[in-house]
Structure formats: structure tokens, C-alpha cells
Amino acid sequence: MYGLIGKIIVQSEKRDELIRIILDGTDNMPGCLSYIICKDAMNDNTIWITEVWDSKKSHQASLSLPSVQAALGKGRPFIEDFGEQIETVPVGGYGLMKA
């Protein structure tokens, strides 16, 4: 499995709008076992995304999906910056869909 935890810094008061755009564009991604979007509890301009994929190849392929490309296009104006991006190797846990 392949995991990714990423931070997105959003323009002021645009976080909820960006979350809606991301949710709309990421509902059907082959190989995706988990895709969780979180509001940062301490910073109103930050989103965290935690992803689990069956492979790094599936994650890379998802970036070419029309729905993901459309979401990136719509959401990019609301993004100030990308923060940390951490690659992980998921090993299992409650709520993780099986490959």
C-alpha cells in the first residue's frame, strides 16, 4: 500500500468551498482505499488530506482522471500554498478498506 498525508493552505474564508470542490472530484478513484479530508482544528486556512492507495502507481494514475483534473482546475484559485507532504506505508487499521 501507499499512503500520503498532505497539507493545503487555503485563502481566507475559502476552506469550505475548496473542501466541497475536492469532495466532488474525488469520489471514484480506482485503487483508492481511503481519502479523508480534514479541517485543521487550530488554523481556519488549512486542510489536511490523508490518502491510502493500493499502490503508488494508482495514486499517480489518479492525477490524470478527468474528475481530479477538473477539481484541481476549480480549486487552484483558492489555494495559497501546499505545506508538508508525507509519504507513508499503511499497514492496516479500523476503517481502511481492503485492497
Protein backbone atom coordinates (compact mmCIF):
# COMPACT_ATOMS: atom_id res chain seq x y z
CA MET A 1 0.00 0.00 0.00
CA TYR A 2 0.96 3.62 -0.45
CA GLY A 3 -0.06 6.50 1.79
CA LEU A 4 0.15 10.23 1.58
CA ILE A 5 -0.61 12.94 4.13
CA GLY A 6 -0.72 16.44 2.70
CA LYS A 7 -1.35 19.95 3.92
CA ILE A 8 -3.09 22.62 1.85
CA ILE A 9 -3.09 26.27 2.91
CA VAL A 10 -6.23 27.97 1.64
CA GLN A 11 -7.13 31.61 1.01
CA SER A 12 -9.00 33.24 3.86
CA GLU A 13 -12.65 32.12 4.12
CA LYS A 14 -12.35 29.73 1.15
CA ARG A 15 -11.70 26.49 3.05
CA ASP A 16 -15.25 25.11 2.96
CA GLU A 17 -15.59 25.93 -0.74
CA LEU A 18 -12.32 24.16 -1.54
CA ILE A 19 -13.37 21.14 0.52
CA ARG A 20 -16.62 20.88 -1.50
CA ILE A 21 -14.65 21.03 -4.76
CA ILE A 22 -12.22 18.34 -3.61
CA LEU A 23 -15.03 16.07 -2.37
CA ASP A 24 -16.89 16.40 -5.68
CA GLY A 25 -13.79 15.46 -7.68
CA THR A 26 -12.51 12.53 -5.69
CA ASP A 27 -15.40 10.12 -5.25
CA ASN A 28 -14.40 7.45 -7.78
CA MET A 29 -10.66 6.83 -7.97
CA PRO A 30 -9.53 3.30 -8.86
CA GLY A 31 -7.10 1.91 -6.30
CA CYS A 32 -8.06 4.41 -3.61
CA LEU A 33 -8.71 2.67 -0.30
CA SER A 34 -9.20 5.79 1.80
CA TYR A 35 -9.33 9.53 1.06
CA ILE A 36 -10.02 11.68 4.10
CA ILE A 37 -10.26 15.47 4.02
CA CYS A 38 -9.91 17.22 7.38
CA LYS A 39 -10.19 20.78 8.60
CA ASP A 40 -7.25 21.81 10.77
CA ALA A 41 -8.67 22.40 14.26
CA MET A 42 -6.21 25.23 15.01
CA ASN A 43 -5.98 27.04 11.66
CA ASP A 44 -9.03 28.11 9.65
CA ASN A 45 -6.95 28.32 6.47
CA THR A 46 -5.62 24.76 6.49
CA ILE A 47 -6.85 21.43 5.13
CA TRP A 48 -5.19 18.05 5.68
CA ILE A 49 -5.73 15.17 3.27
CA THR A 50 -4.89 11.61 4.25
CA GLU A 51 -4.83 9.10 1.41
CA VAL A 52 -4.34 5.34 1.24
CA TRP A 53 -3.87 3.62 -2.11
CA ASP A 54 -3.31 0.05 -3.18
CA SER A 55 -0.09 1.29 -4.84
CA LYS A 56 1.88 4.42 -5.66
CA LYS A 57 1.10 3.72 -9.33
CA SER A 58 -2.66 4.01 -8.64
CA HIS A 59 -2.09 7.32 -6.88
CA GLN A 60 -0.10 8.66 -9.83
CA ALA A 61 -2.78 7.47 -12.28
CA SER A 62 -5.49 9.25 -10.29
CA LEU A 63 -3.91 12.61 -11.05
CA SER A 64 -4.89 12.13 -14.72
CA LEU A 65 -8.55 11.34 -14.07
CA PRO A 66 -10.91 13.93 -15.64
CA SER A 67 -12.76 14.44 -12.33
CA VAL A 68 -9.50 15.05 -10.46
CA GLN A 69 -8.21 17.39 -13.18
CA ALA A 70 -11.49 19.34 -13.05
CA ALA A 71 -11.29 19.62 -9.25
CA LEU A 72 -7.69 20.84 -9.47
CA GLY A 73 -8.71 23.45 -12.02
CA LYS A 74 -11.64 24.71 -9.95
CA GLY A 75 -9.79 24.61 -6.64
CA ARG A 76 -6.41 26.04 -7.60
CA PRO A 77 -7.54 29.72 -7.27
CA PHE A 78 -8.36 29.09 -3.59
CA ILE A 79 -5.01 27.51 -2.72
CA GLU A 80 -2.35 29.74 -1.20
CA ASP A 81 0.30 27.04 -0.85
CA PHE A 82 0.99 23.38 -0.23
CA GLY A 83 2.61 22.53 3.08
CA GLU A 84 4.10 19.28 4.25
CA GLN A 85 3.63 16.17 2.17
CA ILE A 86 4.49 12.92 3.89
CA GLU A 87 4.63 9.54 2.16
CA THR A 88 3.69 6.56 4.32
CA VAL A 89 3.36 2.79 4.08
CA PRO A 90 -0.06 1.91 5.56
CA VAL A 91 -0.25 -1.48 7.27
CA GLY A 92 -3.95 -1.61 8.20
CA GLY A 93 -6.38 -0.34 10.79
CA TYR A 94 -10.01 0.25 11.55
CA GLY A 95 -11.87 1.81 8.63
CA LEU A 96 -9.28 1.01 6.00
CA MET A 97 -10.96 -0.64 3.03
CA LYS A 98 -9.28 -3.83 1.87
CA ALA A 99 -7.48 -3.90 -1.46
